[in-house]
Amino acid sequence: MVQNSGIQCYNCKEYGHVARECQKPKRAKDAAYHREKMLLCKQEEAGIQLNAEQADWKD
């Protein structure tokens, strides 16, 4: 059994489940999401090595 207590949902930002298991309606991606995505893309273009978490999130 996987312990989900430390896992945060990207949809509702609550702990204990992941977005695909979230019972709340899908949330529109906000400005912070797009700002983070753009920053990661710019870092990659500049040749800055992304860590595994950043690389997975960017996709």
N, C-alpha and C. Protein backbone atom coordinates (compact mmCIF):
# COMPACT_ATOMS: atom_id res chain seq x y z
N MET A 1 0.84 -1.18 0.00
CA MET A 1 0.00 0.00 0.00
C MET A 1 0.88 1.24 0.00
N VAL A 2 0.55 2.20 -0.84
CA VAL A 2 1.32 3.44 -0.95
C VAL A 2 0.76 4.45 0.04
N GLN A 3 1.64 5.09 0.76
CA GLN A 3 1.21 6.11 1.71
C GLN A 3 1.15 7.46 1.00
N ASN A 4 -0.03 8.07 0.95
CA ASN A 4 -0.24 9.30 0.20
C ASN A 4 -0.25 10.55 1.07
N SER A 5 0.08 10.45 2.34
CA SER A 5 -0.06 11.59 3.24
C SER A 5 0.81 12.78 2.84
N GLY A 6 1.96 12.55 2.23
CA GLY A 6 2.85 13.63 1.84
C GLY A 6 2.67 14.09 0.41
N ILE A 7 1.71 13.51 -0.29
CA ILE A 7 1.49 13.84 -1.70
C ILE A 7 0.48 14.98 -1.79
N GLN A 8 0.79 15.97 -2.65
CA GLN A 8 -0.11 17.11 -2.82
C GLN A 8 -0.75 17.05 -4.20
N CYS A 9 -2.04 17.29 -4.24
CA CYS A 9 -2.79 17.31 -5.49
C CYS A 9 -2.48 18.60 -6.24
N TYR A 10 -2.16 18.50 -7.52
CA TYR A 10 -1.89 19.69 -8.33
C TYR A 10 -3.18 20.40 -8.71
N ASN A 11 -4.30 19.74 -8.57
CA ASN A 11 -5.58 20.35 -8.93
C ASN A 11 -6.12 21.23 -7.81
N CYS A 12 -6.29 20.66 -6.61
CA CYS A 12 -6.91 21.41 -5.51
C CYS A 12 -5.90 21.85 -4.44
N LYS A 13 -4.65 21.42 -4.57
CA LYS A 13 -3.57 21.77 -3.63
C LYS A 13 -3.74 21.17 -2.24
N GLU A 14 -4.62 20.18 -2.09
CA GLU A 14 -4.78 19.50 -0.81
C GLU A 14 -3.87 18.28 -0.78
N TYR A 15 -3.58 17.79 0.41
CA TYR A 15 -2.70 16.65 0.57
C TYR A 15 -3.49 15.35 0.71
N GLY A 16 -2.86 14.25 0.29
CA GLY A 16 -3.45 12.93 0.48
C GLY A 16 -3.90 12.24 -0.79
N HIS A 17 -3.88 12.94 -1.91
CA HIS A 17 -4.26 12.32 -3.18
C HIS A 17 -3.57 13.05 -4.33
N VAL A 18 -3.64 12.47 -5.51
CA VAL A 18 -3.06 13.10 -6.70
C VAL A 18 -4.17 13.64 -7.58
N ALA A 19 -3.82 14.46 -8.56
CA ALA A 19 -4.81 15.16 -9.38
C ALA A 19 -5.77 14.20 -10.09
N ARG A 20 -5.27 13.08 -10.59
CA ARG A 20 -6.17 12.18 -11.33
C ARG A 20 -7.21 11.52 -10.43
N GLU A 21 -6.96 11.51 -9.11
CA GLU A 21 -7.91 10.95 -8.15
C GLU A 21 -8.78 12.04 -7.50
N CYS A 22 -8.56 13.30 -7.87
CA CYS A 22 -9.25 14.42 -7.24
C CYS A 22 -10.73 14.43 -7.60
N GLN A 23 -11.57 14.63 -6.59
CA GLN A 23 -13.02 14.65 -6.79
C GLN A 23 -13.53 16.04 -7.17
N LYS A 24 -12.69 17.06 -7.02
CA LYS A 24 -13.10 18.43 -7.34
C LYS A 24 -12.97 18.67 -8.85
N PRO A 25 -13.74 19.61 -9.39
CA PRO A 25 -13.63 19.89 -10.83
C PRO A 25 -12.23 20.37 -11.18
N LYS A 26 -11.82 20.09 -12.42
CA LYS A 26 -10.50 20.52 -12.86
C LYS A 26 -10.40 22.03 -12.76
N ARG A 27 -9.27 22.47 -12.27
CA ARG A 27 -9.03 23.90 -12.07
C ARG A 27 -8.31 24.44 -13.30
N ALA A 28 -8.71 25.62 -13.73
CA ALA A 28 -8.03 26.27 -14.84
C ALA A 28 -6.61 26.60 -14.41
N LYS A 29 -5.69 26.45 -15.31
CA LYS A 29 -4.30 26.76 -14.98
C LYS A 29 -4.16 28.26 -14.78
N ASP A 30 -3.60 28.64 -13.66
CA ASP A 30 -3.50 30.05 -13.31
C ASP A 30 -2.18 30.66 -13.77
N ALA A 31 -2.01 31.94 -13.49
CA ALA A 31 -0.83 32.68 -13.92
C ALA A 31 0.45 32.08 -13.34
N ALA A 32 0.40 31.60 -12.10
CA ALA A 32 1.60 31.02 -11.47
C ALA A 32 2.05 29.77 -12.23
N TYR A 33 1.11 28.97 -12.69
CA TYR A 33 1.44 27.77 -13.47
C TYR A 33 2.18 28.16 -14.74
N HIS A 34 1.62 29.13 -15.47
CA HIS A 34 2.23 29.55 -16.74
C HIS A 34 3.57 30.24 -16.52
N ARG A 35 3.70 30.99 -15.45
CA ARG A 35 4.97 31.66 -15.13
C ARG A 35 6.05 30.62 -14.86
N GLU A 36 5.73 29.59 -14.08
CA GLU A 36 6.68 28.52 -13.76
C GLU A 36 7.07 27.76 -15.02
N LYS A 37 6.10 27.45 -15.86
CA LYS A 37 6.36 26.71 -17.10
C LYS A 37 7.29 27.52 -18.01
N MET A 38 7.03 28.82 -18.14
CA MET A 38 7.85 29.69 -18.98
C MET A 38 9.27 29.78 -18.43
N LEU A 39 9.42 29.89 -17.12
CA LEU A 39 10.73 29.96 -16.49
C LEU A 39 11.53 28.68 -16.77
N LEU A 40 10.89 27.53 -16.65
CA LEU A 40 11.57 26.26 -16.91
C LEU A 40 12.00 26.15 -18.37
N CYS A 41 11.16 26.61 -19.28
CA CYS A 41 11.51 26.57 -20.71
C CYS A 41 12.69 27.49 -21.01
N LYS A 42 12.70 28.68 -20.40
CA LYS A 42 13.81 29.62 -20.60
C LYS A 42 15.10 29.06 -20.03
N GLN A 43 15.03 28.40 -18.88
CA GLN A 43 16.22 27.79 -18.29
C GLN A 43 16.77 26.71 -19.20
N GLU A 44 15.89 25.91 -19.76
CA GLU A 44 16.33 24.84 -20.65
C GLU A 44 16.97 25.41 -21.91
N GLU A 45 16.38 26.46 -22.48
CA GLU A 45 16.94 27.09 -23.68
C GLU A 45 18.31 27.70 -23.39
N ALA A 46 18.50 28.21 -22.19
CA ALA A 46 19.77 28.83 -21.81
C ALA A 46 20.84 27.78 -21.49
N GLY A 47 20.47 26.53 -21.51
CA GLY A 47 21.42 25.46 -21.24
C GLY A 47 21.58 25.12 -19.78
N ILE A 48 20.70 25.62 -18.94
CA ILE A 48 20.75 25.31 -17.51
C ILE A 48 20.13 23.93 -17.29
N GLN A 49 20.87 23.07 -16.60
CA GLN A 49 20.40 21.71 -16.36
C GLN A 49 19.22 21.72 -15.39
N LEU A 50 18.11 21.12 -15.78
CA LEU A 50 16.95 21.00 -14.91
C LEU A 50 17.08 19.75 -14.07
N ASN A 51 16.60 19.79 -12.82
CA ASN A 51 16.62 18.57 -12.01
C ASN A 51 15.47 17.67 -12.47
N ALA A 52 15.41 16.46 -11.98
CA ALA A 52 14.42 15.48 -12.45
C ALA A 52 12.99 15.96 -12.23
N GLU A 53 12.72 16.58 -11.09
CA GLU A 53 11.36 17.05 -10.80
C GLU A 53 10.95 18.15 -11.77
N GLN A 54 11.86 19.07 -12.05
CA GLN A 54 11.55 20.15 -12.99
C GLN A 54 11.34 19.60 -14.40
N ALA A 55 12.18 18.68 -14.81
CA ALA A 55 12.08 18.11 -16.15
C ALA A 55 10.76 17.36 -16.33
N ASP A 56 10.33 16.63 -15.30
CA ASP A 56 9.06 15.91 -15.37
C ASP A 56 7.89 16.88 -15.40
N TRP A 57 7.97 17.96 -14.63
CA TRP A 57 6.87 18.91 -14.55
C TRP A 57 6.72 19.68 -15.86
N LYS A 58 7.83 19.95 -16.53
CA LYS A 58 7.81 20.73 -17.76
C LYS A 58 7.04 20.02 -18.86
N ASP A 59 7.09 18.70 -18.88
CA ASP A 59 6.42 17.93 -19.94
C ASP A 59 4.99 17.95 -19.77
